[in-house]
Amino acid sequence: MIYVIGAGPGDPSMIPLKALEILKKCPLVMGWRNVVDKLREYIKGEVVYLTYTNQEEILQKYLKTEGDVCIITHGDPCVSDWEFLERIKAFKADVVVINGVSSLNVALARLGLDMAHIVFATLHARSPQDLRPLVAILHHRVLIAFPYPTADGPQRLARELIALGATGCKATVLENLTLKDERIWQGGLEELSRETRHFSDLSVVAVDCRGSS
C-alpha cells in the first residue's frame, strides 16, 4: 500500500494523529528533506529523500516493490499536489491519501477570509495554472496562490498578473506559516514585482484587487 501523507503547514505538532500512527509502522518513508526531518522522531523505517530532480528516479525504484511505502508531502496533498498524486497512482492503484492541514487554511485565518471570498491558484506544478481566467474575477474575489517554489516566486507571480491587467491591487506574502520565523510582507502588487528580497519557498501570496479601478 502507498500512503500519501499531508504533514500540515509546517509546525510538526499540526500533523494528524492518523498520519503519525501510520508513519510509526511504515517500513519506508519518502519525502522532501524539509518536511521529513521535522518528523524524524516519529519515523522508524528507512528514509529516502525526494528532490525536484530525483523524484522520478526514486518513484521508479521504490514504488514497484512490495510492502507499504509512506510519502510525506507539505500541507494537504489534495490541495496542490495533484500532478504528484497522478504520478504516484501510475505505479499502484492502491493509494491512500491521509489529509492534512494546508497552509491555505492557515493563510485564510491570517487574512480573515474564507473560501467564499477567494479564488485559488497553484504554480507548484510542471504545467503551471493558467492565470488569465482568474484575472477577470479579481475585482470580486481575492486571489490566494502558491507561487513558483523559488526565492523570487512571489515577484514572478506579481509580474505575470500585472502583464495580464491586474493593476492597483494590494499584495500580501505569508512566509513559513506556523513556524517560529513566520513573516508577513504587505504592499502593492507593483511594489512586490520590484521587490529584491528572497522569499521562502514555503510562501503563500494573496492579491486583493477589490475596489481598484
Protein backbone atom coordinates (compact mmCIF):
# COMPACT_ATOMS: atom_id res chain seq x y z
CA MET A 1 0.00 0.00 0.00
CA ILE A 2 1.15 3.54 -0.72
CA TYR A 3 0.19 6.17 1.83
CA VAL A 4 0.45 9.81 0.77
CA ILE A 5 0.51 11.81 3.97
CA GLY A 6 -0.17 15.51 4.38
CA ALA A 7 2.30 16.78 7.01
CA GLY A 8 0.48 20.05 7.64
CA PRO A 9 1.53 23.67 7.11
CA GLY A 10 4.94 23.49 8.82
CA ASP A 11 4.57 23.12 12.57
CA PRO A 12 5.07 19.37 13.20
CA SER A 13 2.51 19.45 16.02
CA MET A 14 -0.20 20.03 13.39
CA ILE A 15 0.22 16.67 11.63
CA PRO A 16 -2.90 14.47 12.04
CA LEU A 17 -2.80 11.69 14.64
CA LYS A 18 -3.78 9.14 11.99
CA ALA A 19 -0.72 10.14 9.96
CA LEU A 20 1.57 9.66 12.96
CA GLU A 21 0.17 6.18 13.60
CA ILE A 22 0.88 5.15 10.02
CA LEU A 23 4.37 6.73 9.96
CA LYS A 24 5.44 4.79 13.04
CA LYS A 25 4.61 1.49 11.33
CA CYS A 26 5.83 2.30 7.82
CA PRO A 27 9.00 0.43 6.72
CA LEU A 28 9.90 3.01 4.06
CA VAL A 29 9.24 6.76 4.24
CA MET A 30 9.90 9.17 1.38
CA GLY A 31 9.57 12.92 1.14
CA TRP A 32 11.28 16.29 0.87
CA ARG A 33 14.01 16.83 3.48
CA ASN A 34 12.49 19.98 4.99
CA VAL A 35 9.28 18.03 5.70
CA VAL A 36 10.69 14.64 6.68
CA ASP A 37 13.31 15.98 9.10
CA LYS A 38 10.67 17.74 11.19
CA LEU A 39 9.02 14.34 11.77
CA ARG A 40 12.10 12.12 12.24
CA GLU A 41 11.22 11.29 15.85
CA TYR A 42 8.07 9.53 14.62
CA ILE A 43 9.72 7.63 11.76
CA LYS A 44 11.01 4.13 12.50
CA GLY A 45 11.68 2.85 8.97
CA GLU A 46 14.14 3.65 6.22
CA VAL A 47 14.10 7.25 4.93
CA VAL A 48 14.61 8.25 1.29
CA TYR A 49 14.72 11.95 0.43
CA LEU A 50 13.00 13.31 -2.65
CA THR A 51 14.17 16.32 -4.63
CA TYR A 52 12.71 18.05 -7.68
CA THR A 53 15.42 16.41 -9.81
CA ASN A 54 15.46 12.86 -8.42
CA GLN A 55 11.80 12.19 -7.70
CA GLU A 56 11.07 10.28 -10.91
CA GLU A 57 14.07 8.00 -10.39
CA ILE A 58 13.14 7.37 -6.74
CA LEU A 59 9.49 6.66 -7.54
CA GLN A 60 10.54 4.23 -10.27
CA LYS A 61 12.89 2.42 -7.91
CA TYR A 62 10.71 2.07 -4.81
CA LEU A 63 7.04 2.18 -5.75
CA LYS A 64 7.17 -1.02 -7.79
CA THR A 65 8.36 -3.03 -4.78
CA GLU A 66 6.16 -4.94 -2.35
CA GLY A 67 5.34 -3.61 1.10
CA ASP A 68 4.00 -0.37 2.47
CA VAL A 69 5.50 2.96 1.45
CA CYS A 70 4.72 6.32 3.07
CA ILE A 71 5.24 9.52 1.09
CA ILE A 72 5.11 12.74 3.11
CA THR A 73 4.06 15.96 1.38
CA HIS A 74 3.62 19.55 2.50
CA GLY A 75 0.20 20.60 3.78
CA ASP A 76 -2.63 18.55 2.28
CA PRO A 77 -1.72 16.54 -0.84
CA CYS A 78 -5.16 17.16 -2.33
CA VAL A 79 -4.76 20.96 -2.31
CA SER A 80 -1.86 21.48 -4.69
CA ASP A 81 -0.11 18.14 -5.35
CA TRP A 82 -2.47 16.73 -7.97
CA GLU A 83 0.35 16.17 -10.52
CA PHE A 84 2.44 14.35 -7.94
CA LEU A 85 -0.53 12.19 -6.92
CA GLU A 86 -1.16 11.25 -10.55
CA ARG A 87 2.44 10.09 -10.96
CA ILE A 88 2.19 8.00 -7.79
CA LYS A 89 -1.09 6.39 -8.88
CA ALA A 90 0.55 5.41 -12.18
CA PHE A 91 2.66 2.88 -10.23
CA LYS A 92 -0.01 1.36 -7.98
CA ALA A 93 -3.77 1.58 -7.79
CA ASP A 94 -3.92 1.11 -4.03
CA VAL A 95 -3.01 4.64 -2.93
CA VAL A 96 -4.43 6.01 0.32
CA VAL A 97 -4.37 9.76 0.95
CA ILE A 98 -4.10 10.92 4.57
CA ASN A 99 -5.28 14.51 4.52
CA GLY A 100 -3.51 17.25 6.46
CA VAL A 101 -3.96 20.93 7.25
CA SER A 102 -2.96 23.02 4.25
CA SER A 103 -1.13 26.33 4.52
CA LEU A 104 -4.12 27.59 2.53
CA ASN A 105 -6.25 27.09 5.65
CA VAL A 106 -3.75 28.97 7.79
CA ALA A 107 -3.43 31.80 5.25
CA LEU A 108 -7.20 32.28 5.23
CA ALA A 109 -7.18 32.53 9.03
CA ARG A 110 -4.36 35.11 8.98
CA LEU A 111 -6.18 37.18 6.35
CA GLY A 112 -9.66 36.89 7.87
CA LEU A 113 -11.11 35.24 4.76
CA ASP A 114 -12.92 32.02 3.90
CA MET A 115 -13.33 30.03 0.70
CA ALA A 116 -16.38 32.07 -0.32
CA HIS A 117 -14.17 35.16 -0.70
CA ILE A 118 -11.32 33.73 -2.76
CA VAL A 119 -10.12 32.09 -5.93
CA PHE A 120 -7.15 29.74 -5.65
CA ALA A 121 -4.20 29.02 -7.94
CA THR A 122 -1.05 26.96 -7.60
CA LEU A 123 2.16 27.31 -9.55
CA HIS A 124 3.74 24.33 -7.76
CA ALA A 125 3.36 22.25 -10.90
CA ARG A 126 5.25 21.22 -14.01
CA SER A 127 2.49 22.83 -16.06
CA PRO A 128 1.60 25.94 -14.04
CA GLN A 129 -2.01 27.01 -13.90
CA ASP A 130 -3.27 29.49 -16.50
CA LEU A 131 -3.88 32.74 -14.62
CA ARG A 132 -5.86 34.51 -17.37
CA PRO A 133 -9.33 33.25 -16.37
CA LEU A 134 -8.67 34.29 -12.77
CA VAL A 135 -7.69 37.89 -13.50
CA ALA A 136 -11.16 38.59 -14.88
CA ILE A 137 -12.76 37.99 -11.47
CA LEU A 138 -10.15 39.60 -9.22
CA HIS A 139 -12.35 42.65 -8.64
CA HIS A 140 -14.76 40.32 -6.79
CA ARG A 141 -12.51 37.68 -5.23
CA VAL A 142 -9.11 37.65 -3.52
CA LEU A 143 -6.53 35.51 -5.29
CA ILE A 144 -4.70 33.12 -2.97
CA ALA A 145 -1.78 31.48 -4.75
CA PHE A 146 1.09 29.13 -4.08
CA PRO A 147 3.77 30.87 -6.18
CA TYR A 148 6.66 29.28 -8.03
CA PRO A 149 8.83 27.45 -5.42
CA THR A 150 11.81 29.77 -5.92
CA ALA A 151 13.26 32.69 -3.97
CA ASP A 152 11.62 35.13 -6.41
CA GLY A 153 8.38 33.17 -6.85
CA PRO A 154 6.11 35.92 -5.45
CA GLN A 155 7.76 38.54 -7.67
CA ARG A 156 7.34 36.38 -10.77
CA LEU A 157 3.67 35.88 -9.93
CA ALA A 158 3.21 39.64 -9.45
CA ARG A 159 4.80 40.42 -12.81
CA GLU A 160 2.63 37.87 -14.61
CA LEU A 161 -0.56 39.25 -13.02
CA ILE A 162 0.38 42.83 -13.94
CA ALA A 163 1.08 41.75 -17.53
CA LEU A 164 -2.42 40.24 -17.62
CA GLY A 165 -4.01 43.52 -16.50
CA ALA A 166 -4.15 43.26 -12.70
CA THR A 167 -3.20 46.76 -11.52
CA GLY A 168 -3.84 48.82 -8.41
CA CYS A 169 -4.01 45.68 -6.26
CA LYS A 170 -2.81 45.01 -2.74
CA ALA A 171 -0.44 42.10 -2.18
CA THR A 172 0.45 40.05 0.88
CA VAL A 173 3.16 37.40 1.11
CA LEU A 174 2.92 34.99 4.04
CA GLU A 175 6.13 33.05 4.67
CA ASN A 176 6.80 29.96 6.79
CA LEU A 177 3.29 29.82 8.21
CA THR A 178 3.01 28.29 11.72
CA LEU A 179 6.82 28.23 12.13
CA LYS A 180 8.84 30.38 14.54
CA ASP A 181 10.18 32.51 11.68
CA GLU A 182 6.74 33.21 10.19
CA ARG A 183 6.73 36.58 8.42
CA ILE A 184 4.21 38.71 6.53
CA TRP A 185 5.11 41.16 3.75
CA GLN A 186 2.48 43.69 2.61
CA GLY A 187 2.42 46.28 -0.16
CA GLY A 188 1.14 46.93 -3.65
CA LEU A 189 1.32 44.37 -6.47
CA GLU A 190 3.64 46.66 -8.43
CA GLU A 191 5.85 47.04 -5.36
CA LEU A 192 6.01 43.27 -4.97
CA SER A 193 7.05 42.86 -8.61
CA ARG A 194 10.11 45.04 -7.91
CA GLU A 195 10.96 43.55 -4.50
CA THR A 196 14.61 42.39 -4.31
CA ARG A 197 14.47 40.24 -1.18
CA HIS A 198 14.41 36.46 -1.31
CA PHE A 199 11.21 34.83 -0.11
CA SER A 200 10.89 31.38 1.40
CA ASP A 201 9.80 28.58 -0.94
CA LEU A 202 7.07 27.97 1.67
CA SER A 203 5.17 31.15 0.78
CA VAL A 204 1.54 31.97 0.10
CA VAL A 205 0.59 35.08 -1.87
CA ALA A 206 -2.70 36.97 -1.54
CA VAL A 207 -3.69 39.52 -4.17
CA ASP A 208 -6.65 41.78 -3.41
CA CYS A 209 -7.90 43.91 -6.32
CA ARG A 210 -11.31 44.60 -4.83
CA GLY A 211 -12.03 48.30 -5.01
CA SER A 212 -9.32 49.03 -7.60
CA SER A 213 -10.33 50.66 -10.84
